[in-house]
């Protein structure tokens, strides 16, 4: 059963697990389970996805319950009036704060503006050798995209040489293999932590949050990030 993190008469949001597709896709023809279908069956009502979330990414996924609500929320996305924040574990020590302004090419071959803000929440150096280095360094970061390009966060972190752990194909194969063999982890460590906006129909201020998945918490513990995860999530507020 999907975890519902917000619901009213017009919208419903879930904490999407890693590995679940939002809807049917030509790139995954062998898959027959989708968030749209699962949520529809769970609440016995048609739903319409308001935005995209990668299959490998967990976290807040918003749906509209009717077409009027869908049209209203999509206008907010188009006007960049919705703030989304993500948590990610990446290779190496990131700068305390930064802005990545790096255009990306979409599936039609068109180059489009892509901008991401990032902030380092915590860094960790653990006594685990990898390659020629006697220790391994990682960062827990907050990512705030200003634009919404496909795989934007994954590509942007790879661009600044701090790829997201578990990301394929944009990540580091050496790190991904290391996490699989050492800690039996193949999950991409990117989580859509929150979505904030003014409800287009009620005008209420909404801050929808989704708790960290178990695997993100487990790996964070191994890497010595935070003494408790309530404090980590508050750092993204």
C-alpha atoms as a PDB file:
ATOM      1  CA  UNK A   1       0.000   0.000   0.000  1.00  0.00           C
ATOM      2  CA  UNK A   2       1.287   3.460  -0.916  1.00  0.00           C
ATOM      3  CA  UNK A   3       1.985   5.929   1.893  1.00  0.00           C
ATOM      4  CA  UNK A   4      -0.277   8.983   1.550  1.00  0.00           C
ATOM      5  CA  UNK A   5       1.388  12.130   2.950  1.00  0.00           C
ATOM      6  CA  UNK A   6      -1.268  14.687   1.959  1.00  0.00           C
ATOM      7  CA  UNK A   7      -4.858  14.597   0.738  1.00  0.00           C
ATOM      8  CA  UNK A   8      -7.773  16.975   0.227  1.00  0.00           C
ATOM      9  CA  UNK A   9     -10.707  17.010  -2.198  1.00  0.00           C
ATOM     10  CA  UNK A  10      -8.521  18.132  -5.122  1.00  0.00           C
ATOM     11  CA  UNK A  11      -5.020  16.722  -4.529  1.00  0.00           C
ATOM     12  CA  UNK A  12      -3.273  13.733  -3.052  1.00  0.00           C
ATOM     13  CA  UNK A  13       0.443  13.161  -2.509  1.00  0.00           C
ATOM     14  CA  UNK A  14       2.319   9.949  -1.791  1.00  0.00           C
ATOM     15  CA  UNK A  15       5.780   9.035  -0.583  1.00  0.00           C
ATOM     16  CA  UNK A  16       6.831   7.191  -3.719  1.00  0.00           C
ATOM     17  CA  UNK A  17       9.193   4.281  -3.085  1.00  0.00           C
ATOM     18  CA  UNK A  18      12.379   3.777  -5.094  1.00  0.00           C
ATOM     19  CA  UNK A  19      11.827   1.711  -8.217  1.00  0.00           C
ATOM     20  CA  UNK A  20       8.179   2.585  -8.836  1.00  0.00           C
ATOM     21  CA  UNK A  21       7.351   4.203 -12.188  1.00  0.00           C
ATOM     22  CA  UNK A  22       4.901   7.093 -12.148  1.00  0.00           C
ATOM     23  CA  UNK A  23       3.084   5.853 -15.247  1.00  0.00           C
ATOM     24  CA  UNK A  24       3.529   3.579 -18.241  1.00  0.00           C
ATOM     25  CA  UNK A  25       6.671   4.335 -20.217  1.00  0.00           C
ATOM     26  CA  UNK A  26       8.142   3.199 -23.531  1.00  0.00           C
ATOM     27  CA  UNK A  27      11.528   2.730 -21.833  1.00  0.00           C
ATOM     28  CA  UNK A  28      10.131   0.152 -19.409  1.00  0.00           C
ATOM     29  CA  UNK A  29       7.738  -1.978 -21.427  1.00  0.00           C
ATOM     30  CA  UNK A  30       8.269  -4.985 -19.150  1.00  0.00           C
ATOM     31  CA  UNK A  31       6.842  -3.181 -16.115  1.00  0.00           C
ATOM     32  CA  UNK A  32       3.164  -3.557 -15.235  1.00  0.00           C
ATOM     33  CA  UNK A  33       2.998  -1.714 -11.888  1.00  0.00           C
ATOM     34  CA  UNK A  34       2.751   2.084 -11.790  1.00  0.00           C
ATOM     35  CA  UNK A  35       2.068   4.723  -9.154  1.00  0.00           C
ATOM     36  CA  UNK A  36      -0.982   6.020 -11.062  1.00  0.00           C
ATOM     37  CA  UNK A  37      -2.552   2.572 -11.193  1.00  0.00           C
ATOM     38  CA  UNK A  38      -1.622   1.648  -7.611  1.00  0.00           C
ATOM     39  CA  UNK A  39      -3.006   4.873  -6.138  1.00  0.00           C
ATOM     40  CA  UNK A  40      -6.166   4.718  -8.254  1.00  0.00           C
ATOM     41  CA  UNK A  41      -6.891   1.212  -6.994  1.00  0.00           C
ATOM     42  CA  UNK A  42      -6.027   2.152  -3.411  1.00  0.00           C
ATOM     43  CA  UNK A  43      -8.415   5.130  -3.161  1.00  0.00           C
ATOM     44  CA  UNK A  44     -10.876   3.894  -5.808  1.00  0.00           C
ATOM     45  CA  UNK A  45     -10.631   7.123  -7.783  1.00  0.00           C
ATOM     46  CA  UNK A  46      -8.891   8.308 -10.946  1.00  0.00           C
ATOM     47  CA  UNK A  47      -5.800  10.437 -10.347  1.00  0.00           C
ATOM     48  CA  UNK A  48      -3.630  12.547 -12.633  1.00  0.00           C
ATOM     49  CA  UNK A  49       0.132  12.988 -12.010  1.00  0.00           C
ATOM     50  CA  UNK A  50       0.963  16.678 -11.542  1.00  0.00           C
ATOM     51  CA  UNK A  51       4.686  16.271 -12.274  1.00  0.00           C
ATOM     52  CA  UNK A  52       7.393  13.679 -12.906  1.00  0.00           C
ATOM     53  CA  UNK A  53       9.640  11.840 -10.502  1.00  0.00           C
ATOM     54  CA  UNK A  54      12.325   9.449 -11.715  1.00  0.00           C
ATOM     55  CA  UNK A  55      11.714   5.752 -11.225  1.00  0.00           C
ATOM     56  CA  UNK A  56      14.853   5.512  -9.058  1.00  0.00           C
ATOM     57  CA  UNK A  57      13.937   8.563  -6.942  1.00  0.00           C
ATOM     58  CA  UNK A  58      11.813   8.278  -3.810  1.00  0.00           C
ATOM     59  CA  UNK A  59       9.705  10.945  -2.117  1.00  0.00           C
ATOM     60  CA  UNK A  60       6.867  13.414  -2.606  1.00  0.00           C
ATOM     61  CA  UNK A  61       4.775  12.720  -5.698  1.00  0.00           C
ATOM     62  CA  UNK A  62       1.679  14.869  -6.205  1.00  0.00           C
ATOM     63  CA  UNK A  63      -1.513  13.942  -8.075  1.00  0.00           C
ATOM     64  CA  UNK A  64      -4.641  15.873  -8.957  1.00  0.00           C
ATOM     65  CA  UNK A  65      -8.040  14.251  -8.450  1.00  0.00           C
ATOM     66  CA  UNK A  66      -9.741  16.093 -11.301  1.00  0.00           C
ATOM     67  CA  UNK A  67      -8.793  17.926 -14.477  1.00  0.00           C
ATOM     68  CA  UNK A  68      -9.529  21.407 -13.134  1.00  0.00           C
ATOM     69  CA  UNK A  69      -7.177  20.810 -10.225  1.00  0.00           C
ATOM     70  CA  UNK A  70      -4.591  19.390 -12.633  1.00  0.00           C
ATOM     71  CA  UNK A  71      -4.718  22.493 -14.824  1.00  0.00           C
ATOM     72  CA  UNK A  72      -4.385  24.764 -11.797  1.00  0.00           C
ATOM     73  CA  UNK A  73      -1.356  22.982 -10.320  1.00  0.00           C
ATOM     74  CA  UNK A  74       0.415  22.720 -13.672  1.00  0.00           C
ATOM     75  CA  UNK A  75       0.251  26.496 -13.991  1.00  0.00           C
ATOM     76  CA  UNK A  76       2.146  26.748 -10.714  1.00  0.00           C
ATOM     77  CA  UNK A  77       4.817  24.415 -12.057  1.00  0.00           C
ATOM     78  CA  UNK A  78       5.055  26.371 -15.303  1.00  0.00           C
ATOM     79  CA  UNK A  79       5.420  29.651 -13.392  1.00  0.00           C
ATOM     80  CA  UNK A  80       8.036  28.159 -11.038  1.00  0.00           C
ATOM     81  CA  UNK A  81       5.817  28.783  -8.013  1.00  0.00           C
ATOM     82  CA  UNK A  82       6.454  25.376  -6.476  1.00  0.00           C
ATOM     83  CA  UNK A  83       9.573  24.802  -4.393  1.00  0.00           C
ATOM     84  CA  UNK A  84      10.943  21.266  -4.336  1.00  0.00           C
ATOM     85  CA  UNK A  85      13.743  20.100  -2.078  1.00  0.00           C
ATOM     86  CA  UNK A  86      15.668  16.860  -2.338  1.00  0.00           C
ATOM     87  CA  UNK A  87      18.170  15.030  -0.160  1.00  0.00           C
ATOM     88  CA  UNK A  88      21.051  13.151  -1.743  1.00  0.00           C
ATOM     89  CA  UNK A  89      24.203  11.337  -0.699  1.00  0.00           C
ATOM     90  CA  UNK A  90      27.048  12.076  -3.080  1.00  0.00           C
ATOM     91  CA  UNK A  91      30.708  11.219  -3.549  1.00  0.00           C
ATOM     92  CA  UNK A  92      33.315  13.527  -2.041  1.00  0.00           C
ATOM     93  CA  UNK A  93      33.122  16.733  -0.021  1.00  0.00           C
ATOM     94  CA  UNK A  94      30.841  19.314  -1.642  1.00  0.00           C
ATOM     95  CA  UNK A  95      31.193  23.068  -1.142  1.00  0.00           C
ATOM     96  CA  UNK A  96      29.076  24.517   1.700  1.00  0.00           C
ATOM     97  CA  UNK A  97      26.733  26.095  -0.863  1.00  0.00           C
ATOM     98  CA  UNK A  98      26.628  26.499  -4.600  1.00  0.00           C
ATOM     99  CA  UNK A  99      24.604  27.060  -7.760  1.00  0.00           C
ATOM    100  CA  UNK A 100      24.878  24.806 -10.790  1.00  0.00           C
ATOM    101  CA  UNK A 101      23.952  26.610 -14.006  1.00  0.00           C
ATOM    102  CA  UNK A 102      24.488  24.012 -16.691  1.00  0.00           C
ATOM    103  CA  UNK A 103      22.114  23.648 -19.686  1.00  0.00           C
ATOM    104  CA  UNK A 104      20.880  20.143 -20.486  1.00  0.00           C
ATOM    105  CA  UNK A 105      19.812  18.481 -23.716  1.00  0.00           C
ATOM    106  CA  UNK A 106      16.343  16.926 -23.614  1.00  0.00           C
ATOM    107  CA  UNK A 107      15.107  13.750 -25.282  1.00  0.00           C
ATOM    108  CA  UNK A 108      14.345  15.733 -28.463  1.00  0.00           C
ATOM    109  CA  UNK A 109      17.899  17.041 -28.713  1.00  0.00           C
ATOM    110  CA  UNK A 110      16.977  20.565 -27.607  1.00  0.00           C
ATOM    111  CA  UNK A 111      19.313  22.337 -25.181  1.00  0.00           C
ATOM    112  CA  UNK A 112      17.447  24.007 -22.302  1.00  0.00           C
ATOM    113  CA  UNK A 113      18.412  26.100 -19.291  1.00  0.00           C
ATOM    114  CA  UNK A 114      18.890  24.043 -16.114  1.00  0.00           C
ATOM    115  CA  UNK A 115      19.699  25.508 -12.687  1.00  0.00           C
ATOM    116  CA  UNK A 116      20.111  23.810  -9.314  1.00  0.00           C
ATOM    117  CA  UNK A 117      20.973  25.237  -5.889  1.00  0.00           C
ATOM    118  CA  UNK A 118      22.760  22.954  -3.451  1.00  0.00           C
ATOM    119  CA  UNK A 119      23.709  23.132   0.204  1.00  0.00           C
ATOM    120  CA  UNK A 120      25.864  20.728   2.183  1.00  0.00           C
ATOM    121  CA  UNK A 121      24.125  19.464   5.318  1.00  0.00           C
ATOM    122  CA  UNK A 122      26.934  17.234   6.525  1.00  0.00           C
ATOM    123  CA  UNK A 123      30.165  15.570   5.362  1.00  0.00           C
ATOM    124  CA  UNK A 124      31.673  12.245   6.400  1.00  0.00           C
ATOM    125  CA  UNK A 125      35.037  10.542   5.997  1.00  0.00           C
ATOM    126  CA  UNK A 126      35.039   6.871   6.895  1.00  0.00           C
ATOM    127  CA  UNK A 127      38.014   4.468   7.219  1.00  0.00           C
ATOM    128  CA  UNK A 128      37.086   2.395   4.191  1.00  0.00           C
ATOM    129  CA  UNK A 129      39.666   2.216   1.422  1.00  0.00           C
ATOM    130  CA  UNK A 130      38.565   2.626  -2.183  1.00  0.00           C
ATOM    131  CA  UNK A 131      41.080   2.544  -5.019  1.00  0.00           C
ATOM    132  CA  UNK A 132      44.261   4.445  -4.139  1.00  0.00           C
ATOM    133  CA  UNK A 133      42.630   6.307  -1.240  1.00  0.00           C
ATOM    134  CA  UNK A 134      42.793   4.938   2.360  1.00  0.00           C
ATOM    135  CA  UNK A 135      39.465   6.547   3.296  1.00  0.00           C
ATOM    136  CA  UNK A 136      36.144   7.364   1.594  1.00  0.00           C
ATOM    137  CA  UNK A 137      34.480  10.786   1.622  1.00  0.00           C
ATOM    138  CA  UNK A 138      30.783  11.544   1.205  1.00  0.00           C
ATOM    139  CA  UNK A 139      28.381  14.464   1.561  1.00  0.00           C
ATOM    140  CA  UNK A 140      24.726  14.684   2.503  1.00  0.00           C
ATOM    141  CA  UNK A 141      23.306  17.549   0.456  1.00  0.00           C
ATOM    142  CA  UNK A 142      20.069  19.464  -0.011  1.00  0.00           C
ATOM    143  CA  UNK A 143      19.228  20.090  -3.676  1.00  0.00           C
ATOM    144  CA  UNK A 144      16.742  22.725  -4.815  1.00  0.00           C
ATOM    145  CA  UNK A 145      16.068  22.718  -8.566  1.00  0.00           C
ATOM    146  CA  UNK A 146      15.026  26.036 -10.118  1.00  0.00           C
ATOM    147  CA  UNK A 147      14.113  24.252 -13.355  1.00  0.00           C
ATOM    148  CA  UNK A 148      12.637  20.818 -13.990  1.00  0.00           C
ATOM    149  CA  UNK A 149      14.660  19.019 -16.645  1.00  0.00           C
ATOM    150  CA  UNK A 150      14.766  15.245 -16.938  1.00  0.00           C
ATOM    151  CA  UNK A 151      17.434  13.755 -14.633  1.00  0.00           C
ATOM    152  CA  UNK A 152      18.525  17.321 -13.831  1.00  0.00           C
ATOM    153  CA  UNK A 153      19.800  16.670 -10.313  1.00  0.00           C
ATOM    154  CA  UNK A 154      21.586  13.494 -11.334  1.00  0.00           C
ATOM    155  CA  UNK A 155      23.291  15.153 -14.282  1.00  0.00           C
ATOM    156  CA  UNK A 156      24.140  18.325 -12.383  1.00  0.00           C
ATOM    157  CA  UNK A 157      25.814  16.502  -9.496  1.00  0.00           C
ATOM    158  CA  UNK A 158      27.789  14.386 -11.938  1.00  0.00           C
ATOM    159  CA  UNK A 159      28.779  17.589 -13.771  1.00  0.00           C
ATOM    160  CA  UNK A 160      30.405  19.036 -10.632  1.00  0.00           C
ATOM    161  CA  UNK A 161      32.118  15.665  -9.971  1.00  0.00           C
ATOM    162  CA  UNK A 162      29.976  14.752  -6.970  1.00  0.00           C
ATOM    163  CA  UNK A 163      27.735  12.040  -8.453  1.00  0.00           C
ATOM    164  CA  UNK A 164      24.799  10.680  -6.496  1.00  0.00           C
ATOM    165  CA  UNK A 165      25.502   7.283  -4.975  1.00  0.00           C
ATOM    166  CA  UNK A 166      23.591   4.516  -6.727  1.00  0.00           C
ATOM    167  CA  UNK A 167      22.918   6.563  -9.854  1.00  0.00           C
ATOM    168  CA  UNK A 168      23.183   4.699 -13.136  1.00  0.00           C
ATOM    169  CA  UNK A 169      24.177   5.781 -15.769  1.00  0.00           C
ATOM    170  CA  UNK A 170      25.164   9.282 -14.582  1.00  0.00           C
ATOM    171  CA  UNK A 171      26.957   8.215 -11.399  1.00  0.00           C
ATOM    172  CA  UNK A 172      30.311   6.647 -10.568  1.00  0.00           C
ATOM    173  CA  UNK A 173      30.515   2.950 -11.471  1.00  0.00           C
ATOM    174  CA  UNK A 174      33.364   2.390  -8.997  1.00  0.00           C
ATOM    175  CA  UNK A 175      31.339   3.827  -6.113  1.00  0.00           C
ATOM    176  CA  UNK A 176      28.176   2.004  -7.138  1.00  0.00           C
ATOM    177  CA  UNK A 177      30.045  -1.306  -7.271  1.00  0.00           C
ATOM    178  CA  UNK A 178      31.632  -0.537  -3.904  1.00  0.00           C
ATOM    179  CA  UNK A 179      28.250   0.096  -2.256  1.00  0.00           C
ATOM    180  CA  UNK A 180      26.815  -3.082  -3.752  1.00  0.00           C
ATOM    181  CA  UNK A 181      29.690  -5.340  -2.682  1.00  0.00           C
ATOM    182  CA  UNK A 182      30.428  -3.744   0.694  1.00  0.00           C
ATOM    183  CA  UNK A 183      26.958  -2.838   1.973  1.00  0.00           C
ATOM    184  CA  UNK A 184      24.597  -4.712  -0.379  1.00  0.00           C
ATOM    185  CA  UNK A 185      23.102  -1.414  -1.545  1.00  0.00           C
ATOM    186  CA  UNK A 186      22.003  -0.709  -5.106  1.00  0.00           C
ATOM    187  CA  UNK A 187      19.441   2.023  -4.332  1.00  0.00           C
ATOM    188  CA  UNK A 188      19.945   5.498  -5.771  1.00  0.00           C
ATOM    189  CA  UNK A 189      20.253   7.785  -2.748  1.00  0.00           C
ATOM    190  CA  UNK A 190      18.089  10.653  -3.977  1.00  0.00           C
ATOM    191  CA  UNK A 191      14.890  11.524  -2.118  1.00  0.00           C
ATOM    192  CA  UNK A 192      12.262  14.201  -2.869  1.00  0.00           C
ATOM    193  CA  UNK A 193      12.015  15.454   0.689  1.00  0.00           C
ATOM    194  CA  UNK A 194       9.445  18.249   0.371  1.00  0.00           C
ATOM    195  CA  UNK A 195       7.218  20.296  -1.896  1.00  0.00           C
ATOM    196  CA  UNK A 196       5.982  23.766  -0.868  1.00  0.00           C
ATOM    197  CA  UNK A 197       3.436  25.963  -2.635  1.00  0.00           C
ATOM    198  CA  UNK A 198       0.258  27.990  -2.274  1.00  0.00           C
ATOM    199  CA  UNK A 199      -2.744  25.767  -2.937  1.00  0.00           C
ATOM    200  CA  UNK A 200      -4.168  27.137  -6.210  1.00  0.00           C
ATOM    201  CA  UNK A 201      -7.790  26.581  -5.154  1.00  0.00           C
ATOM    202  CA  UNK A 202      -7.891  27.209  -1.393  1.00  0.00           C
ATOM    203  CA  UNK A 203      -4.876  29.580  -1.283  1.00  0.00           C
ATOM    204  CA  UNK A 204      -3.598  27.788   1.806  1.00  0.00           C
ATOM    205  CA  UNK A 205       0.176  27.433   2.189  1.00  0.00           C
ATOM    206  CA  UNK A 206       1.225  23.795   1.859  1.00  0.00           C
ATOM    207  CA  UNK A 207       4.480  22.152   2.872  1.00  0.00           C
ATOM    208  CA  UNK A 208       4.211  18.478   1.949  1.00  0.00           C
ATOM    209  CA  UNK A 209       6.944  16.236   3.325  1.00  0.00           C
ATOM    210  CA  UNK A 210       7.915  12.607   2.849  1.00  0.00           C
ATOM    211  CA  UNK A 211       9.997  10.644   5.349  1.00  0.00           C
ATOM    212  CA  UNK A 212      13.287   9.084   4.330  1.00  0.00           C
ATOM    213  CA  UNK A 213      13.125   5.506   3.024  1.00  0.00           C
ATOM    214  CA  UNK A 214      14.697   2.757   5.127  1.00  0.00           C
ATOM    215  CA  UNK A 215      17.643   2.237   2.785  1.00  0.00           C
ATOM    216  CA  UNK A 216      18.548   5.939   2.834  1.00  0.00           C
ATOM    217  CA  UNK A 217      18.464   5.832   6.644  1.00  0.00           C
ATOM    218  CA  UNK A 218      20.539   2.622   6.756  1.00  0.00           C
ATOM    219  CA  UNK A 219      23.281   3.951   4.489  1.00  0.00           C
ATOM    220  CA  UNK A 220      23.276   7.309   6.267  1.00  0.00           C
ATOM    221  CA  UNK A 221      23.962   5.430   9.483  1.00  0.00           C
ATOM    222  CA  UNK A 222      26.839   3.501   7.929  1.00  0.00           C
ATOM    223  CA  UNK A 223      28.338   6.754   6.670  1.00  0.00           C
ATOM    224  CA  UNK A 224      27.854   8.401  10.102  1.00  0.00           C
ATOM    225  CA  UNK A 225      25.458  11.113   8.928  1.00  0.00           C
ATOM    226  CA  UNK A 226      23.515  12.587  11.849  1.00  0.00           C
ATOM    227  CA  UNK A 227      22.612  11.126  15.202  1.00  0.00           C
ATOM    228  CA  UNK A 228      18.907  11.149  14.343  1.00  0.00           C
ATOM    229  CA  UNK A 229      17.062  11.696  11.123  1.00  0.00           C
ATOM    230  CA  UNK A 230      14.474  14.117  12.478  1.00  0.00           C
ATOM    231  CA  UNK A 231      17.292  16.667  12.705  1.00  0.00           C
ATOM    232  CA  UNK A 232      18.419  15.910   9.154  1.00  0.00           C
ATOM    233  CA  UNK A 233      14.921  16.520   7.791  1.00  0.00           C
ATOM    234  CA  UNK A 234      14.572  19.731   9.824  1.00  0.00           C
ATOM    235  CA  UNK A 235      17.785  20.984   8.220  1.00  0.00           C
ATOM    236  CA  UNK A 236      15.977  20.967   4.891  1.00  0.00           C
ATOM    237  CA  UNK A 237      13.066  23.099   6.116  1.00  0.00           C
END
